[in-house]
PDB file of N, CA and C in Angstrom:
ATOM      1  N   MET A   1     206.368 112.539-128.525  1.00  0.00           N
ATOM      2  CA  MET A   1     206.318 111.821-129.778  1.00  0.00           C
ATOM      3  C   MET A   1     207.471 112.263-130.659  1.00  0.00           C
ATOM      4  N   SER A   2     208.002 111.364-131.392  1.00  0.00           N
ATOM      5  CA  SER A   2     209.086 111.697-132.297  1.00  0.00           C
ATOM      6  C   SER A   2     208.529 112.266-133.593  1.00  0.00           C
ATOM      7  N   GLU A   3     209.372 112.978-134.328  1.00  0.00           N
ATOM      8  CA  GLU A   3     208.939 113.589-135.584  1.00  0.00           C
ATOM      9  C   GLU A   3     208.757 112.554-136.676  1.00  0.00           C
ATOM     10  N   THR A   4     209.344 111.391-136.523  1.00  0.00           N
ATOM     11  CA  THR A   4     209.221 110.356-137.546  1.00  0.00           C
ATOM     12  C   THR A   4     207.879 109.642-137.470  1.00  0.00           C
ATOM     13  N   ASP A   5     207.165 109.794-136.348  1.00  0.00           N
ATOM     14  CA  ASP A   5     205.867 109.143-136.187  1.00  0.00           C
ATOM     15  C   ASP A   5     204.804 109.972-136.894  1.00  0.00           C
ATOM     16  N   THR A   6     204.461 109.604-138.124  1.00  0.00           N
ATOM     17  CA  THR A   6     203.488 110.359-138.909  1.00  0.00           C
ATOM     18  C   THR A   6     202.192 109.602-139.093  1.00  0.00           C
ATOM     19  N   SER A   7     201.941 108.593-138.253  1.00  0.00           N
ATOM     20  CA  SER A   7     200.711 107.817-138.387  1.00  0.00           C
ATOM     21  C   SER A   7     199.511 108.681-138.022  1.00  0.00           C
ATOM     22  N   LYS A   8     198.465 108.558-138.812  1.00  0.00           N
ATOM     23  CA  LYS A   8     197.239 109.302-138.580  1.00  0.00           C
ATOM     24  C   LYS A   8     196.248 108.440-137.824  1.00  0.00           C
ATOM     25  N   HIS A   9     195.326 109.090-137.142  1.00  0.00           N
ATOM     26  CA  HIS A   9     194.288 108.365-136.424  1.00  0.00           C
ATOM     27  C   HIS A   9     193.407 107.616-137.421  1.00  0.00           C
ATOM     28  N   VAL A  10     193.255 106.334-137.227  1.00  0.00           N
ATOM     29  CA  VAL A  10     192.396 105.529-138.091  1.00  0.00           C
ATOM     30  C   VAL A  10     190.980 105.631-137.547  1.00  0.00           C
ATOM     31  N   ARG A  11     190.064 106.102-138.374  1.00  0.00           N
ATOM     32  CA  ARG A  11     188.692 106.302-137.931  1.00  0.00           C
ATOM     33  C   ARG A  11     187.939 104.975-137.907  1.00  0.00           C
ATOM     34  N   LYS A  12     187.089 104.828-136.900  1.00  0.00           N
ATOM     35  CA  LYS A  12     186.310 103.604-136.740  1.00  0.00           C
ATOM     36  C   LYS A  12     185.233 103.523-137.806  1.00  0.00           C
ATOM     37  N   THR A  13     184.947 102.330-138.263  1.00  0.00           N
ATOM     38  CA  THR A  13     183.831 102.104-139.179  1.00  0.00           C
ATOM     39  C   THR A  13     182.937 101.032-138.580  1.00  0.00           C
ATOM     40  N   ARG A  14     181.655 101.145-138.845  1.00  0.00           N
ATOM     41  CA  ARG A  14     180.666 100.189-138.365  1.00  0.00           C
ATOM     42  C   ARG A  14     179.705  99.872-139.515  1.00  0.00           C
ATOM     43  N   THR A  15     179.071  98.718-139.447  1.00  0.00           N
ATOM     44  CA  THR A  15     178.052  98.323-140.413  1.00  0.00           C
ATOM     45  C   THR A  15     176.768  98.065-139.644  1.00  0.00           C
ATOM     46  N   GLY A  16     175.665  98.659-140.121  1.00  0.00           N
ATOM     47  CA  GLY A  16     174.407  98.500-139.415  1.00  0.00           C
ATOM     48  C   GLY A  16     173.216  98.706-140.321  1.00  0.00           C
ATOM     49  N   THR A  17     172.044  98.726-139.720  1.00  0.00           N
ATOM     50  CA  THR A  17     170.784  98.852-140.432  1.00  0.00           C
ATOM     51  C   THR A  17     170.130 100.181-140.088  1.00  0.00           C
ATOM     52  N   VAL A  18     169.618 100.861-141.107  1.00  0.00           N
ATOM     53  CA  VAL A  18     168.944 102.146-140.900  1.00  0.00           C
ATOM     54  C   VAL A  18     167.587 101.874-140.260  1.00  0.00           C
ATOM     55  N   VAL A  19     167.316 102.524-139.129  1.00  0.00           N
ATOM     56  CA  VAL A  19     166.040 102.333-138.444  1.00  0.00           C
ATOM     57  C   VAL A  19     165.147 103.562-138.517  1.00  0.00           C
ATOM     58  N   SER A  20     165.715 104.738-138.871  1.00  0.00           N
ATOM     59  CA  SER A  20     164.899 105.945-138.977  1.00  0.00           C
ATOM     60  C   SER A  20     165.534 106.916-139.958  1.00  0.00           C
ATOM     61  N   THR A  21     164.665 107.555-140.772  1.00  0.00           N
ATOM     62  CA  THR A  21     165.121 108.585-141.709  1.00  0.00           C
ATOM     63  C   THR A  21     164.228 109.817-141.603  1.00  0.00           C
ATOM     64  N   LYS A  22     163.659 110.045-140.457  1.00  0.00           N
ATOM     65  CA  LYS A  22     162.661 111.104-140.308  1.00  0.00           C
ATOM     66  C   LYS A  22     163.260 112.510-140.219  1.00  0.00           C
ATOM     67  N   MET A  23     164.562 112.612-139.980  1.00  0.00           N
ATOM     68  CA  MET A  23     165.199 113.921-139.871  1.00  0.00           C
ATOM     69  C   MET A  23     165.874 114.292-141.187  1.00  0.00           C
ATOM     70  N   ASN A  24     166.067 115.582-141.409  1.00  0.00           N
ATOM     71  CA  ASN A  24     166.723 116.047-142.614  1.00  0.00           C
ATOM     72  C   ASN A  24     168.228 115.888-142.483  1.00  0.00           C
ATOM     73  N   LYS A  25     168.848 115.184-143.440  1.00  0.00           N
ATOM     74  CA  LYS A  25     170.285 114.929-143.488  1.00  0.00           C
ATOM     75  C   LYS A  25     170.796 114.119-142.295  1.00  0.00           C
ATOM     76  N   THR A  26     169.911 113.439-141.594  1.00  0.00           N
ATOM     77  CA  THR A  26     170.305 112.598-140.462  1.00  0.00           C
ATOM     78  C   THR A  26     169.548 111.287-140.520  1.00  0.00           C
ATOM     79  N   ILE A  27     170.264 110.199-140.293  1.00  0.00           N
ATOM     80  CA  ILE A  27     169.630 108.887-140.186  1.00  0.00           C
ATOM     81  C   ILE A  27     170.047 108.267-138.860  1.00  0.00           C
ATOM     82  N   VAL A  28     169.266 107.317-138.398  1.00  0.00           N
ATOM     83  CA  VAL A  28     169.606 106.575-137.189  1.00  0.00           C
ATOM     84  C   VAL A  28     169.930 105.151-137.623  1.00  0.00           C
ATOM     85  N   VAL A  29     171.127 104.692-137.240  1.00  0.00           N
ATOM     86  CA  VAL A  29     171.603 103.374-137.643  1.00  0.00           C
ATOM     87  C   VAL A  29     171.788 102.514-136.403  1.00  0.00           C
ATOM     88  N   ALA A  30     171.205 101.322-136.422  1.00  0.00           N
ATOM     89  CA  ALA A  30     171.369 100.368-135.328  1.00  0.00           C
ATOM     90  C   ALA A  30     172.486  99.397-135.701  1.00  0.00           C
ATOM     91  N   VAL A  31     173.511  99.356-134.883  1.00  0.00           N
ATOM     92  CA  VAL A  31     174.633  98.442-135.101  1.00  0.00           C
ATOM     93  C   VAL A  31     174.526  97.331-134.069  1.00  0.00           C
ATOM     94  N   GLU A  32     174.453  96.114-134.558  1.00  0.00           N
ATOM     95  CA  GLU A  32     174.274  94.961-133.683  1.00  0.00           C
ATOM     96  C   GLU A  32     175.586  94.206-133.531  1.00  0.00           C
ATOM     97  N   ARG A  33     175.877  93.784-132.309  1.00  0.00           N
ATOM     98  CA  ARG A  33     177.043  92.950-132.073  1.00  0.00           C
ATOM     99  C   ARG A  33     176.625  91.769-131.207  1.00  0.00           C
ATOM    100  N   ARG A  34     177.329  90.666-131.390  1.00  0.00           N
ATOM    101  CA  ARG A  34     176.996  89.449-130.643  1.00  0.00           C
ATOM    102  C   ARG A  34     178.171  89.080-129.777  1.00  0.00           C
ATOM    103  N   ILE A  35     177.880  88.863-128.498  1.00  0.00           N
ATOM    104  CA  ILE A  35     178.925  88.481-127.557  1.00  0.00           C
ATOM    105  C   ILE A  35     178.468  87.256-126.780  1.00  0.00           C
ATOM    106  N   ALA A  36     179.418  86.562-126.220  1.00  0.00           N
ATOM    107  CA  ALA A  36     179.095  85.419-125.367  1.00  0.00           C
ATOM    108  C   ALA A  36     178.992  85.915-123.928  1.00  0.00           C
ATOM    109  N   HIS A  37     177.979  85.449-123.210  1.00  0.00           N
ATOM    110  CA  HIS A  37     177.818  85.791-121.799  1.00  0.00           C
ATOM    111  C   HIS A  37     179.048  85.268-121.042  1.00  0.00           C
ATOM    112  N   GLU A  38     179.566  86.098-120.136  1.00  0.00           N
ATOM    113  CA  GLU A  38     180.812  85.745-119.447  1.00  0.00           C
ATOM    114  C   GLU A  38     180.709  84.445-118.655  1.00  0.00           C
ATOM    115  N   LEU A  39     179.601  84.250-117.962  1.00  0.00           N
ATOM    116  CA  LEU A  39     179.469  83.077-117.094  1.00  0.00           C
ATOM    117  C   LEU A  39     178.852  81.884-117.817  1.00  0.00           C
ATOM    118  N   TYR A  40     177.760  82.119-118.554  1.00  0.00           N
ATOM    119  CA  TYR A  40     176.996  81.009-119.125  1.00  0.00           C
ATOM    120  C   TYR A  40     177.351  80.682-120.569  1.00  0.00           C
ATOM    121  N   GLY A  41     177.996  81.589-121.263  1.00  0.00           N
ATOM    122  CA  GLY A  41     178.423  81.300-122.626  1.00  0.00           C
ATOM    123  C   GLY A  41     177.357  81.484-123.685  1.00  0.00           C
ATOM    124  N   LYS A  42     176.131  81.842-123.287  1.00  0.00           N
ATOM    125  CA  LYS A  42     175.072  82.042-124.276  1.00  0.00           C
ATOM    126  C   LYS A  42     175.379  83.269-125.126  1.00  0.00           C
ATOM    127  N   ILE A  43     175.108  83.173-126.421  1.00  0.00           N
ATOM    128  CA  ILE A  43     175.334  84.286-127.335  1.00  0.00           C
ATOM    129  C   ILE A  43     174.215  85.313-127.145  1.00  0.00           C
ATOM    130  N   ILE A  44     174.607  86.549-126.885  1.00  0.00           N
ATOM    131  CA  ILE A  44     173.654  87.634-126.639  1.00  0.00           C
ATOM    132  C   ILE A  44     173.813  88.671-127.733  1.00  0.00           C
ATOM    133  N   ARG A  45     172.689  89.183-128.237  1.00  0.00           N
ATOM    134  CA  ARG A  45     172.730  90.244-129.242  1.00  0.00           C
ATOM    135  C   ARG A  45     172.585  91.588-128.543  1.00  0.00           C
ATOM    136  N   LEU A  46     173.549  92.458-128.720  1.00  0.00           N
ATOM    137  CA  LEU A  46     173.496  93.808-128.183  1.00  0.00           C
ATOM    138  C   LEU A  46     173.463  94.777-129.358  1.00  0.00           C
ATOM    139  N   SER A  47     172.697  95.844-129.236  1.00  0.00           N
ATOM    140  CA  SER A  47     172.656  96.819-130.317  1.00  0.00           C
ATOM    141  C   SER A  47     172.809  98.218-129.751  1.00  0.00           C
ATOM    142  N   LYS A  48     173.324  99.093-130.592  1.00  0.00           N
ATOM    143  CA  LYS A  48     173.503 100.483-130.217  1.00  0.00           C
ATOM    144  C   LYS A  48     173.081 101.339-131.405  1.00  0.00           C
ATOM    145  N   LYS A  49     172.417 102.464-131.111  1.00  0.00           N
ATOM    146  CA  LYS A  49     171.965 103.351-132.163  1.00  0.00           C
ATOM    147  C   LYS A  49     172.937 104.517-132.313  1.00  0.00           C
ATOM    148  N   TYR A  50     173.259 104.843-133.566  1.00  0.00           N
ATOM    149  CA  TYR A  50     174.131 105.962-133.878  1.00  0.00           C
ATOM    150  C   TYR A  50     173.370 106.957-134.753  1.00  0.00           C
ATOM    151  N   TYR A  51     173.538 108.235-134.474  1.00  0.00           N
ATOM    152  CA  TYR A  51     173.003 109.288-135.328  1.00  0.00           C
ATOM    153  C   TYR A  51     174.062 109.596-136.376  1.00  0.00           C
ATOM    154  N   VAL A  52     173.673 109.492-137.651  1.00  0.00           N
ATOM    155  CA  VAL A  52     174.627 109.539-138.754  1.00  0.00           C
ATOM    156  C   VAL A  52     174.242 110.647-139.725  1.00  0.00           C
ATOM    157  N   HIS A  53     175.259 111.382-140.204  1.00  0.00           N
ATOM    158  CA  HIS A  53     175.046 112.451-141.179  1.00  0.00           C
ATOM    159  C   HIS A  53     174.919 111.835-142.569  1.00  0.00           C
ATOM    160  N   ASP A  54     173.805 112.108-143.242  1.00  0.00           N
ATOM    161  CA  ASP A  54     173.546 111.638-144.611  1.00  0.00           C
ATOM    162  C   ASP A  54     173.274 112.875-145.459  1.00  0.00           C
ATOM    163  N   GLU A  55     174.319 113.410-146.074  1.00  0.00           N
ATOM    164  CA  GLU A  55     174.239 114.689-146.783  1.00  0.00           C
ATOM    165  C   GLU A  55     173.186 114.695-147.890  1.00  0.00           C
ATOM    166  N   THR A  56     173.049 113.604-148.639  1.00  0.00           N
ATOM    167  CA  THR A  56     172.159 113.577-149.794  1.00  0.00           C
ATOM    168  C   THR A  56     170.813 112.921-149.519  1.00  0.00           C
ATOM    169  N   ASN A  57     170.549 112.508-148.298  1.00  0.00           N
ATOM    170  CA  ASN A  57     169.292 111.839-147.935  1.00  0.00           C
ATOM    171  C   ASN A  57     169.025 110.622-148.819  1.00  0.00           C
ATOM    172  N   ASN A  58     170.063 109.837-149.124  1.00  0.00           N
ATOM    173  CA  ASN A  58     169.916 108.654-149.984  1.00  0.00           C
ATOM    174  C   ASN A  58     169.427 107.426-149.238  1.00  0.00           C
ATOM    175  N   ALA A  59     169.794 107.280-147.993  1.00  0.00           N
ATOM    176  CA  ALA A  59     169.479 106.055-147.250  1.00  0.00           C
ATOM    177  C   ALA A  59     167.990 105.971-146.932  1.00  0.00           C
ATOM    178  N   ARG A  60     167.468 104.766-146.925  1.00  0.00           N
ATOM    179  CA  ARG A  60     166.077 104.499-146.591  1.00  0.00           C
ATOM    180  C   ARG A  60     166.032 103.493-145.446  1.00  0.00           C
ATOM    181  N   GLU A  61     164.907 103.433-144.757  1.00  0.00           N
ATOM    182  CA  GLU A  61     164.753 102.500-143.643  1.00  0.00           C
ATOM    183  C   GLU A  61     164.937 101.071-144.140  1.00  0.00           C
ATOM    184  N   GLY A  62     165.692 100.288-143.393  1.00  0.00           N
ATOM    185  CA  GLY A  62     165.941  98.898-143.742  1.00  0.00           C
ATOM    186  C   GLY A  62     167.217  98.678-144.527  1.00  0.00           C
ATOM    187  N   ASP A  63     167.851  99.740-145.034  1.00  0.00           N
ATOM    188  CA  ASP A  63     169.098  99.601-145.782  1.00  0.00           C
ATOM    189  C   ASP A  63     170.227  99.182-144.850  1.00  0.00           C
ATOM    190  N   THR A  64     171.166  98.410-145.383  1.00  0.00           N
ATOM    191  CA  THR A  64     172.385  98.085-144.664  1.00  0.00           C
ATOM    192  C   THR A  64     173.446  99.076-145.121  1.00  0.00           C
ATOM    193  N   VAL A  65     174.046  99.791-144.169  1.00  0.00           N
ATOM    194  CA  VAL A  65     174.979 100.865-144.507  1.00  0.00           C
ATOM    195  C   VAL A  65     176.279 100.726-143.727  1.00  0.00           C
ATOM    196  N   ARG A  66     177.323 101.394-144.248  1.00  0.00           N
ATOM    197  CA  ARG A  66     178.600 101.479-143.544  1.00  0.00           C
ATOM    198  C   ARG A  66     178.786 102.924-143.116  1.00  0.00           C
ATOM    199  N   ILE A  67     179.153 103.134-141.849  1.00  0.00           N
ATOM    200  CA  ILE A  67     179.315 104.477-141.316  1.00  0.00           C
ATOM    201  C   ILE A  67     180.736 104.634-140.790  1.00  0.00           C
ATOM    202  N   GLN A  68     181.193 105.895-140.722  1.00  0.00           N
ATOM    203  CA  GLN A  68     182.548 106.179-140.264  1.00  0.00           C
ATOM    204  C   GLN A  68     182.523 107.282-139.227  1.00  0.00           C
ATOM    205  N   GLU A  69     183.368 107.146-138.239  1.00  0.00           N
ATOM    206  CA  GLU A  69     183.499 108.141-137.189  1.00  0.00           C
ATOM    207  C   GLU A  69     184.044 109.442-137.783  1.00  0.00           C
ATOM    208  N   THR A  70     183.565 110.572-137.275  1.00  0.00           N
ATOM    209  CA  THR A  70     184.024 111.873-137.742  1.00  0.00           C
ATOM    210  C   THR A  70     183.995 112.861-136.584  1.00  0.00           C
ATOM    211  N   ARG A  71     184.358 114.101-136.853  1.00  0.00           N
ATOM    212  CA  ARG A  71     184.296 115.117-135.808  1.00  0.00           C
ATOM    213  C   ARG A  71     182.836 115.335-135.421  1.00  0.00           C
ATOM    214  N   PRO A  72     182.558 115.853-134.235  1.00  0.00           N
ATOM    215  CA  PRO A  72     181.170 116.101-133.850  1.00  0.00           C
ATOM    216  C   PRO A  72     180.510 117.117-134.780  1.00  0.00           C
ATOM    217  N   LEU A  73     179.375 116.729-135.365  1.00  0.00           N
ATOM    218  CA  LEU A  73     178.639 117.602-136.271  1.00  0.00           C
ATOM    219  C   LEU A  73     177.483 118.283-135.567  1.00  0.00           C
ATOM    220  N   SER A  74     177.024 117.716-134.479  1.00  0.00           N
ATOM    221  CA  SER A  74     175.972 118.304-133.651  1.00  0.00           C
ATOM    222  C   SER A  74     176.050 117.642-132.279  1.00  0.00           C
ATOM    223  N   LYS A  75     175.042 117.876-131.470  1.00  0.00           N
ATOM    224  CA  LYS A  75     175.044 117.304-130.118  1.00  0.00           C
ATOM    225  C   LYS A  75     175.131 115.776-130.152  1.00  0.00           C
ATOM    226  N   LEU A  76     174.423 115.143-131.064  1.00  0.00           N
ATOM    227  CA  LEU A  76     174.367 113.682-131.112  1.00  0.00           C
ATOM    228  C   LEU A  76     175.126 113.069-132.293  1.00  0.00           C
ATOM    229  N   LYS A  77     175.371 113.840-133.355  1.00  0.00           N
ATOM    230  CA  LYS A  77     175.963 113.280-134.575  1.00  0.00           C
ATOM    231  C   LYS A  77     177.485 113.355-134.559  1.00  0.00           C
ATOM    232  N   SER A  78     178.127 112.191-134.589  1.00  0.00           N
ATOM    233  CA  SER A  78     179.576 112.112-134.723  1.00  0.00           C
ATOM    234  C   SER A  78     179.967 111.027-135.720  1.00  0.00           C
ATOM    235  N   TRP A  79     179.044 110.666-136.588  1.00  0.00           N
ATOM    236  CA  TRP A  79     179.276 109.638-137.601  1.00  0.00           C
ATOM    237  C   TRP A  79     178.754 110.153-138.930  1.00  0.00           C
ATOM    238  N   ARG A  80     179.339 109.652-140.028  1.00  0.00           N
ATOM    239  CA  ARG A  80     178.855 110.016-141.360  1.00  0.00           C
ATOM    240  C   ARG A  80     178.691 108.765-142.207  1.00  0.00           C
ATOM    241  N   LEU A  81     177.812 108.860-143.173  1.00  0.00           N
ATOM    242  CA  LEU A  81     177.498 107.730-144.048  1.00  0.00           C
ATOM    243  C   LEU A  81     178.611 107.562-145.071  1.00  0.00           C
ATOM    244  N   LEU A  82     179.195 106.360-145.138  1.00  0.00           N
ATOM    245  CA  LEU A  82     180.206 106.070-146.155  1.00  0.00           C
ATOM    246  C   LEU A  82     179.542 105.568-147.425  1.00  0.00           C
ATOM    247  N   ASP A  83     178.793 104.477-147.310  1.00  0.00           N
ATOM    248  CA  ASP A  83     178.099 103.944-148.473  1.00  0.00           C
ATOM    249  C   ASP A  83     176.961 103.036-148.052  1.00  0.00           C
ATOM    250  N   ILE A  84     176.077 102.794-149.008  1.00  0.00           N
ATOM    251  CA  ILE A  84     174.948 101.895-148.787  1.00  0.00           C
ATOM    252  C   ILE A  84     175.360 100.532-149.338  1.00  0.00           C
ATOM    253  N   ILE A  85     175.441  99.553-148.462  1.00  0.00           N
ATOM    254  CA  ILE A  85     175.904  98.225-148.852  1.00  0.00           C
ATOM    255  C   ILE A  85     174.795  97.460-149.567  1.00  0.00           C
ATOM    256  N   GLN A  86     173.589  97.488-148.976  1.00  0.00           N
ATOM    257  CA  GLN A  86     172.468  96.746-149.560  1.00  0.00           C
ATOM    258  C   GLN A  86     171.185  97.516-149.318  1.00  0.00           C
ATOM    259  N   ARG A  87     170.409  97.678-150.370  1.00  0.00           N
ATOM    260  CA  ARG A  87     169.115  98.345-150.266  1.00  0.00           C
ATOM    261  C   ARG A  87     168.082  97.377-149.704  1.00  0.00           C
ATOM    262  N   SER A  88     167.117  97.908-148.958  1.00  0.00           N
ATOM    263  CA  SER A  88     166.027  97.069-148.474  1.00  0.00           C
ATOM    264  C   SER A  88     165.091  96.780-149.637  1.00  0.00           C
ATOM    265  N   GLU A  89     164.319  95.716-149.510  1.00  0.00           N
ATOM    266  CA  GLU A  89     163.386  95.338-150.578  1.00  0.00           C
ATOM    267  C   GLU A  89     162.336  96.414-150.789  1.00  0.00           C
ATOM    268  N   GLU A  90     161.879  97.047-149.706  1.00  0.00           N
ATOM    269  CA  GLU A  90     160.873  98.106-149.812  1.00  0.00           C
ATOM    270  C   GLU A  90     161.430  99.316-150.549  1.00  0.00           C
ATOM    271  N   ALA A  91     162.678  99.676-150.290  1.00  0.00           N
ATOM    272  CA  ALA A  91     163.298 100.823-150.947  1.00  0.00           C
ATOM    273  C   ALA A  91     163.486 100.556-152.438  1.00  0.00           C
ATOM    274  N   GLU A  92     163.849  99.313-152.799  1.00  0.00           N
ATOM    275  CA  GLU A  92     164.000  98.965-154.210  1.00  0.00           C
ATOM    276  C   GLU A  92     162.663  99.036-154.934  1.00  0.00           C
ATOM    277  N   ALA A  93     161.599  98.525-154.301  1.00  0.00           N
ATOM    278  CA  ALA A  93     160.275  98.566-154.920  1.00  0.00           C
ATOM    279  C   ALA A  93     159.803 100.014-155.078  1.00  0.00           C
ATOM    280  N   GLU A  94     160.107 100.845-154.099  1.00  0.00           N
ATOM    281  CA  GLU A  94     159.735 102.257-154.163  1.00  0.00           C
ATOM    282  C   GLU A  94     160.470 102.963-155.303  1.00  0.00           C
ATOM    283  N   ALA A  95     161.750 102.651-155.498  1.00  0.00           N
ATOM    284  CA  ALA A  95     162.537 103.254-156.571  1.00  0.00           C
ATOM    285  C   ALA A  95     162.020 102.829-157.937  1.00  0.00           C
ATOM    286  N   VAL A  96     161.612 101.567-158.067  1.00  0.00           N
ATOM    287  CA  VAL A  96     161.073 101.078-159.342  1.00  0.00           C
ATOM    288  C   VAL A  96     159.745 101.759-159.645  1.00  0.00           C
ATOM    289  N   ALA A  97     158.907 101.934-158.632  1.00  0.00           N
ATOM    290  CA  ALA A  97     157.605 102.578-158.817  1.00  0.00           C
ATOM    291  C   ALA A  97     157.762 104.046-159.235  1.00  0.00           C
ATOM    292  N   GLU A  98     158.804 104.711-158.750  1.00  0.00           N
ATOM    293  CA  GLU A  98     159.031 106.108-159.104  1.00  0.00           C
ATOM    294  C   GLU A  98     159.484 106.264-160.552  1.00  0.00           C
ATOM    295  N   THR A  99     160.248 105.291-161.071  1.00  0.00           N
ATOM    296  CA  THR A  99     160.778 105.399-162.427  1.00  0.00           C
ATOM    297  C   THR A  99     159.730 105.045-163.478  1.00  0.00           C
ATOM    298  N   GLN A 100     158.754 104.213-163.148  1.00  0.00           N
ATOM    299  CA  GLN A 100     157.738 103.831-164.132  1.00  0.00           C
ATOM    300  C   GLN A 100     156.638 104.886-164.172  1.00  0.00           C
ATOM    301  N   PRO A 101     156.226 105.281-165.381  1.00  0.00           N
ATOM    302  CA  PRO A 101     155.149 106.266-165.484  1.00  0.00           C
ATOM    303  C   PRO A 101     153.820 105.661-165.071  1.00  0.00           C
ATOM    304  N   SER A 102     153.008 106.462-164.391  1.00  0.00           N
ATOM    305  CA  SER A 102     151.696 105.963-163.952  1.00  0.00           C
ATOM    306  C   SER A 102     150.734 105.983-165.130  1.00  0.00           C
ATOM    307  N   THR A 103     149.931 104.927-165.253  1.00  0.00           N
ATOM    308  CA  THR A 103     148.967 104.820-166.343  1.00  0.00           C
ATOM    309  C   THR A 103     147.568 104.744-165.770  1.00  0.00           C
ATOM    310  N   SER A 104     147.114 105.871-165.229  1.00  0.00           N
ATOM    311  CA  SER A 104     145.749 105.906-164.685  1.00  0.00           C
ATOM    312  C   SER A 104     144.797 106.371-165.758  1.00  0.00           C
ATOM    313  N   VAL A 105     143.571 105.819-165.737  1.00  0.00           N
ATOM    314  CA  VAL A 105     142.572 106.127-166.756  1.00  0.00           C
ATOM    315  C   VAL A 105     141.611 107.159-166.273  1.00  0.00           C
TER     316      VAL A 105
END
């Protein structure tokens, strides 16, 4: 390689849905892709699960998130959470319920 080549490795990003938040600082994100069958042309949905590092435990099940490739953080984790694109309806309702004071008699 020449010394003038200073391009850095561009890290991969994916967008998917959180399917599990049961671990501490780790979420499981399902990334779905659609391809056409080689012979028949039918559109097929394929999905892959990624273990993602979520430092602040902000993501909830059903959220749409963007993840980025990173160095290996554990045996299965090589991705980190960039941002939450869209909250799930259940997570929004849960957040609203937490902010309102309970009025039990």
